[in-house]
Amino acid sequence: TAVYYCNAQGRLYDTPPTRDFWGQ
């Protein structure tokens, strides 16, 4: 039992740096 969150790593135009993004 918990709140489950989605996480994704992304790069703008496939160029560094890599950033983290989170769902609600």
mmCIF file of all heavy atoms, coordinates in Angstrom:
data_MODEL
# 
_entry.id   MODEL 
# 
loop_
_atom_site.group_PDB 
_atom_site.id 
_atom_site.type_symbol 
_atom_site.label_atom_id 
_atom_site.label_alt_id 
_atom_site.label_comp_id 
_atom_site.label_asym_id 
_atom_site.label_entity_id 
_atom_site.label_seq_id 
_atom_site.pdbx_PDB_ins_code 
_atom_site.Cartn_x 
_atom_site.Cartn_y 
_atom_site.Cartn_z 
_atom_site.occupancy 
_atom_site.B_iso_or_equiv 
_atom_site.pdbx_formal_charge 
_atom_site.auth_seq_id 
_atom_site.auth_comp_id 
_atom_site.auth_asym_id 
_atom_site.auth_atom_id 
_atom_site.pdbx_PDB_model_num 
ATOM 1   N N   . THR A 1 1  ? 0.832  -1.195 0.000   1.00 0.00 ? 1  THR A N   1 
ATOM 2   C CA  . THR A 1 1  ? 0.000  0.000  0.000   1.00 0.00 ? 1  THR A CA  1 
ATOM 3   C C   . THR A 1 1  ? 0.871  1.252  0.000   1.00 0.00 ? 1  THR A C   1 
ATOM 4   O O   . THR A 1 1  ? 1.737  1.414  0.860   1.00 0.00 ? 1  THR A O   1 
ATOM 5   C CB  . THR A 1 1  ? -0.929 0.017  1.216   1.00 0.00 ? 1  THR A CB  1 
ATOM 6   O OG1 . THR A 1 1  ? -1.847 -1.081 1.124   1.00 0.00 ? 1  THR A OG1 1 
ATOM 7   C CG2 . THR A 1 1  ? -1.729 1.315  1.283   1.00 0.00 ? 1  THR A CG2 1 
ATOM 8   N N   . ALA A 1 2  ? 0.652  2.123  -0.967  1.00 0.00 ? 2  ALA A N   1 
ATOM 9   C CA  . ALA A 1 2  ? 1.448  3.335  -1.112  1.00 0.00 ? 2  ALA A CA  1 
ATOM 10  C C   . ALA A 1 2  ? 0.922  4.131  -2.292  1.00 0.00 ? 2  ALA A C   1 
ATOM 11  O O   . ALA A 1 2  ? 0.084  3.657  -3.057  1.00 0.00 ? 2  ALA A O   1 
ATOM 12  C CB  . ALA A 1 2  ? 2.926  2.994  -1.336  1.00 0.00 ? 2  ALA A CB  1 
ATOM 13  N N   . VAL A 1 3  ? 1.442  5.335  -2.430  1.00 0.00 ? 3  VAL A N   1 
ATOM 14  C CA  . VAL A 1 3  ? 1.239  6.084  -3.655  1.00 0.00 ? 3  VAL A CA  1 
ATOM 15  C C   . VAL A 1 3  ? 2.383  5.728  -4.590  1.00 0.00 ? 3  VAL A C   1 
ATOM 16  O O   . VAL A 1 3  ? 3.552  5.825  -4.216  1.00 0.00 ? 3  VAL A O   1 
ATOM 17  C CB  . VAL A 1 3  ? 1.208  7.604  -3.415  1.00 0.00 ? 3  VAL A CB  1 
ATOM 18  C CG1 . VAL A 1 3  ? 1.074  8.352  -4.737  1.00 0.00 ? 3  VAL A CG1 1 
ATOM 19  C CG2 . VAL A 1 3  ? 0.048  7.959  -2.490  1.00 0.00 ? 3  VAL A CG2 1 
ATOM 20  N N   . TYR A 1 4  ? 2.056  5.305  -5.784  1.00 0.00 ? 4  TYR A N   1 
ATOM 21  C CA  . TYR A 1 4  ? 3.055  4.894  -6.755  1.00 0.00 ? 4  TYR A CA  1 
ATOM 22  C C   . TYR A 1 4  ? 3.281  6.008  -7.767  1.00 0.00 ? 4  TYR A C   1 
ATOM 23  O O   . TYR A 1 4  ? 2.331  6.534  -8.354  1.00 0.00 ? 4  TYR A O   1 
ATOM 24  C CB  . TYR A 1 4  ? 2.615  3.607  -7.464  1.00 0.00 ? 4  TYR A CB  1 
ATOM 25  C CG  . TYR A 1 4  ? 2.795  2.385  -6.604  1.00 0.00 ? 4  TYR A CG  1 
ATOM 26  C CD1 . TYR A 1 4  ? 1.972  2.162  -5.504  1.00 0.00 ? 4  TYR A CD1 1 
ATOM 27  C CD2 . TYR A 1 4  ? 3.812  1.459  -6.863  1.00 0.00 ? 4  TYR A CD2 1 
ATOM 28  C CE1 . TYR A 1 4  ? 2.151  1.058  -4.685  1.00 0.00 ? 4  TYR A CE1 1 
ATOM 29  C CE2 . TYR A 1 4  ? 3.993  0.358  -6.058  1.00 0.00 ? 4  TYR A CE2 1 
ATOM 30  C CZ  . TYR A 1 4  ? 3.160  0.158  -4.970  1.00 0.00 ? 4  TYR A CZ  1 
ATOM 31  O OH  . TYR A 1 4  ? 3.333  -0.945 -4.160  1.00 0.00 ? 4  TYR A OH  1 
ATOM 32  N N   . TYR A 1 5  ? 4.540  6.360  -7.955  1.00 0.00 ? 5  TYR A N   1 
ATOM 33  C CA  . TYR A 1 5  ? 4.918  7.464  -8.825  1.00 0.00 ? 5  TYR A CA  1 
ATOM 34  C C   . TYR A 1 5  ? 5.733  6.978  -10.009 1.00 0.00 ? 5  TYR A C   1 
ATOM 35  O O   . TYR A 1 5  ? 6.609  6.127  -9.874  1.00 0.00 ? 5  TYR A O   1 
ATOM 36  C CB  . TYR A 1 5  ? 5.761  8.490  -8.066  1.00 0.00 ? 5  TYR A CB  1 
ATOM 37  C CG  . TYR A 1 5  ? 5.039  9.205  -6.952  1.00 0.00 ? 5  TYR A CG  1 
ATOM 38  C CD1 . TYR A 1 5  ? 5.065  8.711  -5.655  1.00 0.00 ? 5  TYR A CD1 1 
ATOM 39  C CD2 . TYR A 1 5  ? 4.332  10.380 -7.194  1.00 0.00 ? 5  TYR A CD2 1 
ATOM 40  C CE1 . TYR A 1 5  ? 4.411  9.359  -4.628  1.00 0.00 ? 5  TYR A CE1 1 
ATOM 41  C CE2 . TYR A 1 5  ? 3.676  11.038 -6.173  1.00 0.00 ? 5  TYR A CE2 1 
ATOM 42  C CZ  . TYR A 1 5  ? 3.721  10.522 -4.893  1.00 0.00 ? 5  TYR A CZ  1 
ATOM 43  O OH  . TYR A 1 5  ? 3.075  11.171 -3.867  1.00 0.00 ? 5  TYR A OH  1 
ATOM 44  N N   . CYS A 1 6  ? 5.463  7.552  -11.145 1.00 0.00 ? 6  CYS A N   1 
ATOM 45  C CA  . CYS A 1 6  ? 6.233  7.290  -12.349 1.00 0.00 ? 6  CYS A CA  1 
ATOM 46  C C   . CYS A 1 6  ? 7.372  8.298  -12.447 1.00 0.00 ? 6  CYS A C   1 
ATOM 47  O O   . CYS A 1 6  ? 7.194  9.483  -12.139 1.00 0.00 ? 6  CYS A O   1 
ATOM 48  C CB  . CYS A 1 6  ? 5.322  7.394  -13.570 1.00 0.00 ? 6  CYS A CB  1 
ATOM 49  S SG  . CYS A 1 6  ? 6.128  7.117  -15.159 1.00 0.00 ? 6  CYS A SG  1 
ATOM 50  N N   . ASN A 1 7  ? 8.524  7.828  -12.865 1.00 0.00 ? 7  ASN A N   1 
ATOM 51  C CA  . ASN A 1 7  ? 9.691  8.678  -13.044 1.00 0.00 ? 7  ASN A CA  1 
ATOM 52  C C   . ASN A 1 7  ? 10.284 8.429  -14.422 1.00 0.00 ? 7  ASN A C   1 
ATOM 53  O O   . ASN A 1 7  ? 10.307 7.298  -14.905 1.00 0.00 ? 7  ASN A O   1 
ATOM 54  C CB  . ASN A 1 7  ? 10.736 8.379  -11.964 1.00 0.00 ? 7  ASN A CB  1 
ATOM 55  C CG  . ASN A 1 7  ? 12.088 9.004  -12.250 1.00 0.00 ? 7  ASN A CG  1 
ATOM 56  O OD1 . ASN A 1 7  ? 12.957 8.383  -12.863 1.00 0.00 ? 7  ASN A OD1 1 
ATOM 57  N ND2 . ASN A 1 7  ? 12.267 10.240 -11.808 1.00 0.00 ? 7  ASN A ND2 1 
ATOM 58  N N   . ALA A 1 8  ? 10.763 9.484  -15.035 1.00 0.00 ? 8  ALA A N   1 
ATOM 59  C CA  . ALA A 1 8  ? 11.417 9.350  -16.332 1.00 0.00 ? 8  ALA A CA  1 
ATOM 60  C C   . ALA A 1 8  ? 12.609 10.287 -16.410 1.00 0.00 ? 8  ALA A C   1 
ATOM 61  O O   . ALA A 1 8  ? 12.577 11.398 -15.873 1.00 0.00 ? 8  ALA A O   1 
ATOM 62  C CB  . ALA A 1 8  ? 10.446 9.647  -17.471 1.00 0.00 ? 8  ALA A CB  1 
ATOM 63  N N   . GLN A 1 9  ? 13.636 9.823  -17.062 1.00 0.00 ? 9  GLN A N   1 
ATOM 64  C CA  . GLN A 1 9  ? 14.796 10.653 -17.344 1.00 0.00 ? 9  GLN A CA  1 
ATOM 65  C C   . GLN A 1 9  ? 14.738 11.077 -18.799 1.00 0.00 ? 9  GLN A C   1 
ATOM 66  O O   . GLN A 1 9  ? 14.406 10.280 -19.678 1.00 0.00 ? 9  GLN A O   1 
ATOM 67  C CB  . GLN A 1 9  ? 16.093 9.897  -17.067 1.00 0.00 ? 9  GLN A CB  1 
ATOM 68  C CG  . GLN A 1 9  ? 16.288 9.520  -15.610 1.00 0.00 ? 9  GLN A CG  1 
ATOM 69  C CD  . GLN A 1 9  ? 17.614 8.843  -15.348 1.00 0.00 ? 9  GLN A CD  1 
ATOM 70  O OE1 . GLN A 1 9  ? 18.335 8.480  -16.283 1.00 0.00 ? 9  GLN A OE1 1 
ATOM 71  N NE2 . GLN A 1 9  ? 17.948 8.668  -14.090 1.00 0.00 ? 9  GLN A NE2 1 
ATOM 72  N N   . GLY A 1 10 ? 15.045 12.348 -19.035 1.00 0.00 ? 10 GLY A N   1 
ATOM 73  C CA  . GLY A 1 10 ? 14.966 12.858 -20.386 1.00 0.00 ? 10 GLY A CA  1 
ATOM 74  C C   . GLY A 1 10 ? 16.061 13.856 -20.694 1.00 0.00 ? 10 GLY A C   1 
ATOM 75  O O   . GLY A 1 10 ? 16.618 14.491 -19.803 1.00 0.00 ? 10 GLY A O   1 
ATOM 76  N N   . ARG A 1 11 ? 16.363 13.962 -21.966 1.00 0.00 ? 11 ARG A N   1 
ATOM 77  C CA  . ARG A 1 11 ? 17.349 14.929 -22.442 1.00 0.00 ? 11 ARG A CA  1 
ATOM 78  C C   . ARG A 1 11 ? 16.728 15.744 -23.563 1.00 0.00 ? 11 ARG A C   1 
ATOM 79  O O   . ARG A 1 11 ? 16.156 15.191 -24.504 1.00 0.00 ? 11 ARG A O   1 
ATOM 80  C CB  . ARG A 1 11 ? 18.617 14.237 -22.940 1.00 0.00 ? 11 ARG A CB  1 
ATOM 81  C CG  . ARG A 1 11 ? 19.337 13.412 -21.879 1.00 0.00 ? 11 ARG A CG  1 
ATOM 82  C CD  . ARG A 1 11 ? 20.752 13.073 -22.307 1.00 0.00 ? 11 ARG A CD  1 
ATOM 83  N NE  . ARG A 1 11 ? 20.788 12.323 -23.555 1.00 0.00 ? 11 ARG A NE  1 
ATOM 84  C CZ  . ARG A 1 11 ? 21.899 12.008 -24.204 1.00 0.00 ? 11 ARG A CZ  1 
ATOM 85  N NH1 . ARG A 1 11 ? 23.084 12.391 -23.715 1.00 0.00 ? 11 ARG A NH1 1 
ATOM 86  N NH2 . ARG A 1 11 ? 21.837 11.319 -25.330 1.00 0.00 ? 11 ARG A NH2 1 
ATOM 87  N N   . LEU A 1 12 ? 16.851 17.079 -23.454 1.00 0.00 ? 12 LEU A N   1 
ATOM 88  C CA  . LEU A 1 12 ? 16.298 17.966 -24.452 1.00 0.00 ? 12 LEU A CA  1 
ATOM 89  C C   . LEU A 1 12 ? 17.025 17.781 -25.775 1.00 0.00 ? 12 LEU A C   1 
ATOM 90  O O   . LEU A 1 12 ? 18.250 17.925 -25.838 1.00 0.00 ? 12 LEU A O   1 
ATOM 91  C CB  . LEU A 1 12 ? 16.406 19.417 -23.981 1.00 0.00 ? 12 LEU A CB  1 
ATOM 92  C CG  . LEU A 1 12 ? 15.788 20.478 -24.888 1.00 0.00 ? 12 LEU A CG  1 
ATOM 93  C CD1 . LEU A 1 12 ? 14.295 20.261 -25.023 1.00 0.00 ? 12 LEU A CD1 1 
ATOM 94  C CD2 . LEU A 1 12 ? 16.093 21.867 -24.336 1.00 0.00 ? 12 LEU A CD2 1 
ATOM 95  N N   . TYR A 1 13 ? 16.269 17.449 -26.800 1.00 0.00 ? 13 TYR A N   1 
ATOM 96  C CA  . TYR A 1 13 ? 16.836 17.187 -28.128 1.00 0.00 ? 13 TYR A CA  1 
ATOM 97  C C   . TYR A 1 13 ? 17.971 16.165 -28.055 1.00 0.00 ? 13 TYR A C   1 
ATOM 98  O O   . TYR A 1 13 ? 18.940 16.241 -28.810 1.00 0.00 ? 13 TYR A O   1 
ATOM 99  C CB  . TYR A 1 13 ? 17.313 18.487 -28.775 1.00 0.00 ? 13 TYR A CB  1 
ATOM 100 C CG  . TYR A 1 13 ? 16.209 19.490 -28.992 1.00 0.00 ? 13 TYR A CG  1 
ATOM 101 C CD1 . TYR A 1 13 ? 16.196 20.702 -28.312 1.00 0.00 ? 13 TYR A CD1 1 
ATOM 102 C CD2 . TYR A 1 13 ? 15.170 19.213 -29.873 1.00 0.00 ? 13 TYR A CD2 1 
ATOM 103 C CE1 . TYR A 1 13 ? 15.176 21.619 -28.500 1.00 0.00 ? 13 TYR A CE1 1 
ATOM 104 C CE2 . TYR A 1 13 ? 14.143 20.122 -30.064 1.00 0.00 ? 13 TYR A CE2 1 
ATOM 105 C CZ  . TYR A 1 13 ? 14.150 21.318 -29.376 1.00 0.00 ? 13 TYR A CZ  1 
ATOM 106 O OH  . TYR A 1 13 ? 13.134 22.230 -29.569 1.00 0.00 ? 13 TYR A OH  1 
ATOM 107 N N   . ASP A 1 14 ? 17.800 15.213 -27.137 1.00 0.00 ? 14 ASP A N   1 
ATOM 108 C CA  . ASP A 1 14 ? 18.768 14.134 -26.933 1.00 0.00 ? 14 ASP A CA  1 
ATOM 109 C C   . ASP A 1 14 ? 20.161 14.682 -26.642 1.00 0.00 ? 14 ASP A C   1 
ATOM 110 O O   . ASP A 1 14 ? 21.166 14.100 -27.065 1.00 0.00 ? 14 ASP A O   1 
ATOM 111 C CB  . ASP A 1 14 ? 18.791 13.212 -28.158 1.00 0.00 ? 14 ASP A CB  1 
ATOM 112 C CG  . ASP A 1 14 ? 19.339 11.837 -27.842 1.00 0.00 ? 14 ASP A CG  1 
ATOM 113 O OD1 . ASP A 1 14 ? 19.322 11.440 -26.658 1.00 0.00 ? 14 ASP A OD1 1 
ATOM 114 O OD2 . ASP A 1 14 ? 19.789 11.150 -28.777 1.00 0.00 ? 14 ASP A OD2 1 
ATOM 115 N N   . THR A 1 15 ? 20.211 15.783 -25.906 1.00 0.00 ? 15 THR A N   1 
ATOM 116 C CA  . THR A 1 15 ? 21.467 16.445 -25.578 1.00 0.00 ? 15 THR A CA  1 
ATOM 117 C C   . THR A 1 15 ? 21.578 16.635 -24.068 1.00 0.00 ? 15 THR A C   1 
ATOM 118 O O   . THR A 1 15 ? 20.592 16.999 -23.422 1.00 0.00 ? 15 THR A O   1 
ATOM 119 C CB  . THR A 1 15 ? 21.549 17.814 -26.282 1.00 0.00 ? 15 THR A CB  1 
ATOM 120 O OG1 . THR A 1 15 ? 21.475 17.625 -27.699 1.00 0.00 ? 15 THR A OG1 1 
ATOM 121 C CG2 . THR A 1 15 ? 22.853 18.517 -25.943 1.00 0.00 ? 15 THR A CG2 1 
ATOM 122 N N   . PRO A 1 16 ? 22.755 16.379 -23.465 1.00 0.00 ? 16 PRO A N   1 
ATOM 123 C CA  . PRO A 1 16 ? 22.934 16.595 -22.027 1.00 0.00 ? 16 PRO A CA  1 
ATOM 124 C C   . PRO A 1 16 ? 22.607 18.029 -21.629 1.00 0.00 ? 16 PRO A C   1 
ATOM 125 O O   . PRO A 1 16 ? 22.716 18.946 -22.461 1.00 0.00 ? 16 PRO A O   1 
ATOM 126 C CB  . PRO A 1 16 ? 24.416 16.286 -21.804 1.00 0.00 ? 16 PRO A CB  1 
ATOM 127 C CG  . PRO A 1 16 ? 24.786 15.363 -22.933 1.00 0.00 ? 16 PRO A CG  1 
ATOM 128 C CD  . PRO A 1 16 ? 23.997 15.870 -24.096 1.00 0.00 ? 16 PRO A CD  1 
ATOM 129 N N   . PRO A 1 17 ? 22.199 18.251 -20.352 1.00 0.00 ? 17 PRO A N   1 
ATOM 130 C CA  . PRO A 1 17 ? 22.141 17.301 -19.247 1.00 0.00 ? 17 PRO A CA  1 
ATOM 131 C C   . PRO A 1 17 ? 20.859 16.479 -19.223 1.00 0.00 ? 17 PRO A C   1 
ATOM 132 O O   . PRO A 1 17 ? 19.861 16.854 -19.844 1.00 0.00 ? 17 PRO A O   1 
ATOM 133 C CB  . PRO A 1 17 ? 22.216 18.206 -18.013 1.00 0.00 ? 17 PRO A CB  1 
ATOM 134 C CG  . PRO A 1 17 ? 21.490 19.438 -18.458 1.00 0.00 ? 17 PRO A CG  1 
ATOM 135 C CD  . PRO A 1 17 ? 21.898 19.626 -19.905 1.00 0.00 ? 17 PRO A CD  1 
ATOM 136 N N   . THR A 1 18 ? 20.894 15.367 -18.490 1.00 0.00 ? 18 THR A N   1 
ATOM 137 C CA  . THR A 1 18 ? 19.723 14.541 -18.283 1.00 0.00 ? 18 THR A CA  1 
ATOM 138 C C   . THR A 1 18 ? 18.921 15.077 -17.103 1.00 0.00 ? 18 THR A C   1 
ATOM 139 O O   . THR A 1 18 ? 19.486 15.410 -16.065 1.00 0.00 ? 18 THR A O   1 
ATOM 140 C CB  . THR A 1 18 ? 20.122 13.083 -18.011 1.00 0.00 ? 18 THR A CB  1 
ATOM 141 O OG1 . THR A 1 18 ? 20.825 12.571 -19.147 1.00 0.00 ? 18 THR A OG1 1 
ATOM 142 C CG2 . THR A 1 18 ? 18.890 12.215 -17.766 1.00 0.00 ? 18 THR A CG2 1 
ATOM 143 N N   . ARG A 1 19 ? 17.602 15.157 -17.249 1.00 0.00 ? 19 ARG A N   1 
ATOM 144 C CA  . ARG A 1 19 ? 16.727 15.661 -16.202 1.00 0.00 ? 19 ARG A CA  1 
ATOM 145 C C   . ARG A 1 19 ? 15.739 14.589 -15.765 1.00 0.00 ? 19 ARG A C   1 
ATOM 146 O O   . ARG A 1 19 ? 15.409 13.678 -16.531 1.00 0.00 ? 19 ARG A O   1 
ATOM 147 C CB  . ARG A 1 19 ? 15.953 16.893 -16.696 1.00 0.00 ? 19 ARG A CB  1 
ATOM 148 C CG  . ARG A 1 19 ? 16.847 18.067 -17.074 1.00 0.00 ? 19 ARG A CG  1 
ATOM 149 C CD  . ARG A 1 19 ? 16.038 19.177 -17.721 1.00 0.00 ? 19 ARG A CD  1 
ATOM 150 N NE  . ARG A 1 19 ? 14.987 19.675 -16.856 1.00 0.00 ? 19 ARG A NE  1 
ATOM 151 C CZ  . ARG A 1 19 ? 15.153 20.625 -15.947 1.00 0.00 ? 19 ARG A CZ  1 
ATOM 152 N NH1 . ARG A 1 19 ? 16.349 21.192 -15.785 1.00 0.00 ? 19 ARG A NH1 1 
ATOM 153 N NH2 . ARG A 1 19 ? 14.133 21.010 -15.198 1.00 0.00 ? 19 ARG A NH2 1 
ATOM 154 N N   . ASP A 1 20 ? 15.272 14.705 -14.518 1.00 0.00 ? 20 ASP A N   1 
ATOM 155 C CA  . ASP A 1 20 ? 14.263 13.807 -13.970 1.00 0.00 ? 20 ASP A CA  1 
ATOM 156 C C   . ASP A 1 20 ? 12.884 14.452 -14.016 1.00 0.00 ? 20 ASP A C   1 
ATOM 157 O O   . ASP A 1 20 ? 12.727 15.637 -13.720 1.00 0.00 ? 20 ASP A O   1 
ATOM 158 C CB  . ASP A 1 20 ? 14.578 13.441 -12.517 1.00 0.00 ? 20 ASP A CB  1 
ATOM 159 C CG  . ASP A 1 20 ? 15.564 12.300 -12.399 1.00 0.00 ? 20 ASP A CG  1 
ATOM 160 O OD1 . ASP A 1 20 ? 15.614 11.451 -13.300 1.00 0.00 ? 20 ASP A OD1 1 
ATOM 161 O OD2 . ASP A 1 20 ? 16.287 12.262 -11.383 1.00 0.00 ? 20 ASP A OD2 1 
ATOM 162 N N   . PHE A 1 21 ? 11.877 13.649 -14.352 1.00 0.00 ? 21 PHE A N   1 
ATOM 163 C CA  . PHE A 1 21 ? 10.495 14.102 -14.377 1.00 0.00 ? 21 PHE A CA  1 
ATOM 164 C C   . PHE A 1 21 ? 9.637  13.134 -13.581 1.00 0.00 ? 21 PHE A C   1 
ATOM 165 O O   . PHE A 1 21 ? 9.895  11.931 -13.560 1.00 0.00 ? 21 PHE A O   1 
ATOM 166 C CB  . PHE A 1 21 ? 9.983  14.208 -15.815 1.00 0.00 ? 21 PHE A CB  1 
ATOM 167 C CG  . PHE A 1 21 ? 10.787 15.139 -16.664 1.00 0.00 ? 21 PHE A CG  1 
ATOM 168 C CD1 . PHE A 1 21 ? 11.842 14.674 -17.425 1.00 0.00 ? 21 PHE A CD1 1 
ATOM 169 C CD2 . PHE A 1 21 ? 10.504 16.496 -16.693 1.00 0.00 ? 21 PHE A CD2 1 
ATOM 170 C CE1 . PHE A 1 21 ? 12.603 15.532 -18.208 1.00 0.00 ? 21 PHE A CE1 1 
ATOM 171 C CE2 . PHE A 1 21 ? 11.253 17.371 -17.469 1.00 0.00 ? 21 PHE A CE2 1 
ATOM 172 C CZ  . PHE A 1 21 ? 12.300 16.886 -18.222 1.00 0.00 ? 21 PHE A CZ  1 
ATOM 173 N N   . TRP A 1 22 ? 8.597  13.663 -12.932 1.00 0.00 ? 22 TRP A N   1 
ATOM 174 C CA  . TRP A 1 22 ? 7.751  12.875 -12.044 1.00 0.00 ? 22 TRP A CA  1 
ATOM 175 C C   . TRP A 1 22 ? 6.279  13.054 -12.365 1.00 0.00 ? 22 TRP A C   1 
ATOM 176 O O   . TRP A 1 22 ? 5.827  14.148 -12.707 1.00 0.00 ? 22 TRP A O   1 
ATOM 177 C CB  . TRP A 1 22 ? 7.974  13.282 -10.579 1.00 0.00 ? 22 TRP A CB  1 
ATOM 178 C CG  . TRP A 1 22 ? 9.334  12.961 -10.068 1.00 0.00 ? 22 TRP A CG  1 
ATOM 179 C CD1 . TRP A 1 22 ? 10.435 13.764 -10.104 1.00 0.00 ? 22 TRP A CD1 1 
ATOM 180 C CD2 . TRP A 1 22 ? 9.739  11.749 -9.439  1.00 0.00 ? 22 TRP A CD2 1 
ATOM 181 N NE1 . TRP A 1 22 ? 11.510 13.123 -9.537  1.00 0.00 ? 22 TRP A NE1 1 
ATOM 182 C CE2 . TRP A 1 22 ? 11.107 11.885 -9.116  1.00 0.00 ? 22 TRP A CE2 1 
ATOM 183 C CE3 . TRP A 1 22 ? 9.076  10.568 -9.110  1.00 0.00 ? 22 TRP A CE3 1 
ATOM 184 C CZ2 . TRP A 1 22 ? 11.826 10.868 -8.477  1.00 0.00 ? 22 TRP A CZ2 1 
ATOM 185 C CZ3 . TRP A 1 22 ? 9.790  9.565  -8.482  1.00 0.00 ? 22 TRP A CZ3 1 
ATOM 186 C CH2 . TRP A 1 22 ? 11.148 9.727  -8.174  1.00 0.00 ? 22 TRP A CH2 1 
ATOM 187 N N   . GLY A 1 23 ? 5.532  11.966 -12.232 1.00 0.00 ? 23 GLY A N   1 
ATOM 188 C CA  . GLY A 1 23 ? 4.087  12.043 -12.292 1.00 0.00 ? 23 GLY A CA  1 
ATOM 189 C C   . GLY A 1 23 ? 3.520  12.436 -10.939 1.00 0.00 ? 23 GLY A C   1 
ATOM 190 O O   . GLY A 1 23 ? 4.247  12.577 -9.954  1.00 0.00 ? 23 GLY A O   1 
ATOM 191 N N   . GLN A 1 24 ? 2.202  12.607 -10.869 1.00 0.00 ? 24 GLN A N   1 
ATOM 192 C CA  . GLN A 1 24 ? 1.559  13.021 -9.630  1.00 0.00 ? 24 GLN A CA  1 
ATOM 193 C C   . GLN A 1 24 ? 1.189  11.854 -8.728  1.00 0.00 ? 24 GLN A C   1 
ATOM 194 O O   . GLN A 1 24 ? 0.798  12.063 -7.584  1.00 0.00 ? 24 GLN A O   1 
ATOM 195 C CB  . GLN A 1 24 ? 0.317  13.856 -9.939  1.00 0.00 ? 24 GLN A CB  1 
ATOM 196 C CG  . GLN A 1 24 ? 0.642  15.189 -10.597 1.00 0.00 ? 24 GLN A CG  1 
ATOM 197 C CD  . GLN A 1 24 ? -0.578 16.070 -10.766 1.00 0.00 ? 24 GLN A CD  1 
ATOM 198 O OE1 . GLN A 1 24 ? -1.706 15.676 -10.469 1.00 0.00 ? 24 GLN A OE1 1 
ATOM 199 N NE2 . GLN A 1 24 ? -0.360 17.281 -11.247 1.00 0.00 ? 24 GLN A NE2 1 
# 
